[in-house]
């Protein structure tokens, strides 16, 4: 496996100014992200690893809905959900997905 960017949490946090808020009190309004690209030389496949955190309190964000593990045909996450593992490929030929889905988020009831 050959990575083009070693995006680790330590490197991401090292690029940020000191935290200005506590995670429980933070509104999470500004974000930082790191993407690490991996090329698996034995298969020719590619995998992007994505991490996101709040710049104000340094709280990491968890990816929801992606099962834990690694798959070559669908996004997955790390066991703690903090890293999204997304299989990617160069766009040599143009292709559109054969179906799309959008789920409306639930709107909280205000009292």
C-alpha atoms as a PDB file:
ATOM      1  CA  UNK A   1       0.000   0.000   0.000  1.00  0.00           C
ATOM      2  CA  UNK A   2       1.404   3.397  -0.957  1.00  0.00           C
ATOM      3  CA  UNK A   3      -0.109   6.508   0.604  1.00  0.00           C
ATOM      4  CA  UNK A   4       0.186   9.934  -0.977  1.00  0.00           C
ATOM      5  CA  UNK A   5      -0.680  11.765   2.256  1.00  0.00           C
ATOM      6  CA  UNK A   6      -0.192  10.502   5.791  1.00  0.00           C
ATOM      7  CA  UNK A   7      -3.301  12.158   7.291  1.00  0.00           C
ATOM      8  CA  UNK A   8      -3.294  11.232  10.959  1.00  0.00           C
ATOM      9  CA  UNK A   9      -5.176  12.794  13.825  1.00  0.00           C
ATOM     10  CA  UNK A  10      -1.906  13.987  15.331  1.00  0.00           C
ATOM     11  CA  UNK A  11      -0.963  15.770  12.110  1.00  0.00           C
ATOM     12  CA  UNK A  12      -4.449  17.255  11.753  1.00  0.00           C
ATOM     13  CA  UNK A  13      -4.476  18.557  15.319  1.00  0.00           C
ATOM     14  CA  UNK A  14      -0.933  19.912  14.956  1.00  0.00           C
ATOM     15  CA  UNK A  15      -2.192  22.248  12.213  1.00  0.00           C
ATOM     16  CA  UNK A  16      -4.863  23.780  14.466  1.00  0.00           C
ATOM     17  CA  UNK A  17      -4.656  26.650  16.902  1.00  0.00           C
ATOM     18  CA  UNK A  18      -5.314  25.730  20.535  1.00  0.00           C
ATOM     19  CA  UNK A  19      -8.925  24.813  21.309  1.00  0.00           C
ATOM     20  CA  UNK A  20     -11.085  27.788  22.312  1.00  0.00           C
ATOM     21  CA  UNK A  21     -14.092  25.835  23.619  1.00  0.00           C
ATOM     22  CA  UNK A  22     -14.987  22.711  25.547  1.00  0.00           C
ATOM     23  CA  UNK A  23     -16.623  20.028  23.362  1.00  0.00           C
ATOM     24  CA  UNK A  24     -19.856  19.899  25.404  1.00  0.00           C
ATOM     25  CA  UNK A  25     -20.301  23.687  25.169  1.00  0.00           C
ATOM     26  CA  UNK A  26     -19.110  24.157  21.574  1.00  0.00           C
ATOM     27  CA  UNK A  27     -21.503  24.950  18.694  1.00  0.00           C
ATOM     28  CA  UNK A  28     -19.133  23.234  16.198  1.00  0.00           C
ATOM     29  CA  UNK A  29     -19.142  25.989  13.572  1.00  0.00           C
ATOM     30  CA  UNK A  30     -15.673  25.606  11.980  1.00  0.00           C
ATOM     31  CA  UNK A  31     -14.172  22.327  10.747  1.00  0.00           C
ATOM     32  CA  UNK A  32     -10.863  20.855   9.660  1.00  0.00           C
ATOM     33  CA  UNK A  33     -10.432  17.687   7.661  1.00  0.00           C
ATOM     34  CA  UNK A  34      -7.690  15.347   6.545  1.00  0.00           C
ATOM     35  CA  UNK A  35      -7.801  12.996   3.573  1.00  0.00           C
ATOM     36  CA  UNK A  36      -5.290  10.210   3.133  1.00  0.00           C
ATOM     37  CA  UNK A  37      -5.164   8.487  -0.262  1.00  0.00           C
ATOM     38  CA  UNK A  38      -3.982   4.903  -0.419  1.00  0.00           C
ATOM     39  CA  UNK A  39      -3.086   2.902  -3.509  1.00  0.00           C
ATOM     40  CA  UNK A  40      -2.957  -0.860  -3.107  1.00  0.00           C
ATOM     41  CA  UNK A  41      -0.227  -1.906  -5.510  1.00  0.00           C
ATOM     42  CA  UNK A  42      -1.167  -5.594  -5.626  1.00  0.00           C
ATOM     43  CA  UNK A  43      -4.756  -4.904  -6.780  1.00  0.00           C
ATOM     44  CA  UNK A  44      -4.536  -1.436  -8.344  1.00  0.00           C
ATOM     45  CA  UNK A  45      -7.411  -0.279  -6.106  1.00  0.00           C
ATOM     46  CA  UNK A  46      -7.606   3.062  -4.259  1.00  0.00           C
ATOM     47  CA  UNK A  47      -9.012   3.969  -0.848  1.00  0.00           C
ATOM     48  CA  UNK A  48      -9.558   7.449   0.603  1.00  0.00           C
ATOM     49  CA  UNK A  49      -9.514   7.809   4.386  1.00  0.00           C
ATOM     50  CA  UNK A  50     -11.338  10.926   5.632  1.00  0.00           C
ATOM     51  CA  UNK A  51     -11.240  12.441   9.137  1.00  0.00           C
ATOM     52  CA  UNK A  52     -13.061  15.583  10.370  1.00  0.00           C
ATOM     53  CA  UNK A  53     -12.797  17.567  13.598  1.00  0.00           C
ATOM     54  CA  UNK A  54     -14.076  20.832  15.042  1.00  0.00           C
ATOM     55  CA  UNK A  55     -11.492  23.626  14.926  1.00  0.00           C
ATOM     56  CA  UNK A  56     -12.958  25.348  17.983  1.00  0.00           C
ATOM     57  CA  UNK A  57     -12.871  22.419  20.459  1.00  0.00           C
ATOM     58  CA  UNK A  58     -10.900  19.721  18.538  1.00  0.00           C
ATOM     59  CA  UNK A  59     -13.756  17.215  18.948  1.00  0.00           C
ATOM     60  CA  UNK A  60     -13.588  14.532  16.235  1.00  0.00           C
ATOM     61  CA  UNK A  61     -16.716  13.825  14.170  1.00  0.00           C
ATOM     62  CA  UNK A  62     -18.075  10.304  13.743  1.00  0.00           C
ATOM     63  CA  UNK A  63     -19.318   9.008  10.379  1.00  0.00           C
ATOM     64  CA  UNK A  64     -22.847   7.645  10.737  1.00  0.00           C
ATOM     65  CA  UNK A  65     -24.389   4.893   8.646  1.00  0.00           C
ATOM     66  CA  UNK A  66     -21.176   3.362   7.303  1.00  0.00           C
ATOM     67  CA  UNK A  67     -20.523  -0.126   8.689  1.00  0.00           C
ATOM     68  CA  UNK A  68     -17.133  -0.824  10.264  1.00  0.00           C
ATOM     69  CA  UNK A  69     -14.496  -2.486   8.092  1.00  0.00           C
ATOM     70  CA  UNK A  70     -13.077  -2.142   4.582  1.00  0.00           C
ATOM     71  CA  UNK A  71     -14.929  -2.893   1.362  1.00  0.00           C
ATOM     72  CA  UNK A  72     -13.989  -2.242  -2.247  1.00  0.00           C
ATOM     73  CA  UNK A  73     -17.533  -1.500  -3.430  1.00  0.00           C
ATOM     74  CA  UNK A  74     -19.005   0.727  -0.683  1.00  0.00           C
ATOM     75  CA  UNK A  75     -17.891   3.219   1.985  1.00  0.00           C
ATOM     76  CA  UNK A  76     -17.120   1.857   5.447  1.00  0.00           C
ATOM     77  CA  UNK A  77     -15.730   3.329   8.642  1.00  0.00           C
ATOM     78  CA  UNK A  78     -13.141   2.541  11.263  1.00  0.00           C
ATOM     79  CA  UNK A  79     -14.361   0.563  14.259  1.00  0.00           C
ATOM     80  CA  UNK A  80     -14.874   3.803  16.243  1.00  0.00           C
ATOM     81  CA  UNK A  81     -16.512   5.570  13.271  1.00  0.00           C
ATOM     82  CA  UNK A  82     -13.970   8.419  13.245  1.00  0.00           C
ATOM     83  CA  UNK A  83     -12.454   7.573   9.829  1.00  0.00           C
ATOM     84  CA  UNK A  84     -14.465   7.087   6.646  1.00  0.00           C
ATOM     85  CA  UNK A  85     -12.909   4.506   4.291  1.00  0.00           C
ATOM     86  CA  UNK A  86     -14.160   5.306   0.798  1.00  0.00           C
ATOM     87  CA  UNK A  87     -13.155   3.237  -2.225  1.00  0.00           C
ATOM     88  CA  UNK A  88     -12.375   5.580  -5.126  1.00  0.00           C
ATOM     89  CA  UNK A  89     -11.208   5.290  -8.719  1.00  0.00           C
ATOM     90  CA  UNK A  90      -9.952   7.650 -11.426  1.00  0.00           C
ATOM     91  CA  UNK A  91     -12.730   8.992 -13.648  1.00  0.00           C
ATOM     92  CA  UNK A  92     -11.363   7.664 -16.921  1.00  0.00           C
ATOM     93  CA  UNK A  93     -14.789   6.906 -18.354  1.00  0.00           C
ATOM     94  CA  UNK A  94     -17.904   8.899 -17.463  1.00  0.00           C
ATOM     95  CA  UNK A  95     -20.539   6.898 -15.565  1.00  0.00           C
ATOM     96  CA  UNK A  96     -23.682   7.892 -13.719  1.00  0.00           C
ATOM     97  CA  UNK A  97     -25.190   5.875 -10.900  1.00  0.00           C
ATOM     98  CA  UNK A  98     -28.214   3.839 -11.950  1.00  0.00           C
ATOM     99  CA  UNK A  99     -30.200   5.066  -8.933  1.00  0.00           C
ATOM    100  CA  UNK A 100     -30.060   7.810  -6.311  1.00  0.00           C
ATOM    101  CA  UNK A 101     -31.544   8.184  -2.840  1.00  0.00           C
ATOM    102  CA  UNK A 102     -32.232  11.109  -0.571  1.00  0.00           C
ATOM    103  CA  UNK A 103     -33.724  10.689   2.895  1.00  0.00           C
ATOM    104  CA  UNK A 104     -35.201  13.772   4.546  1.00  0.00           C
ATOM    105  CA  UNK A 105     -33.871  14.277   8.089  1.00  0.00           C
ATOM    106  CA  UNK A 106     -36.390  14.243  10.913  1.00  0.00           C
ATOM    107  CA  UNK A 107     -37.354  17.731  12.059  1.00  0.00           C
ATOM    108  CA  UNK A 108     -37.401  18.021  15.848  1.00  0.00           C
ATOM    109  CA  UNK A 109     -40.686  19.110  17.381  1.00  0.00           C
ATOM    110  CA  UNK A 110     -40.428  22.507  19.101  1.00  0.00           C
ATOM    111  CA  UNK A 111     -42.458  23.026  22.239  1.00  0.00           C
END
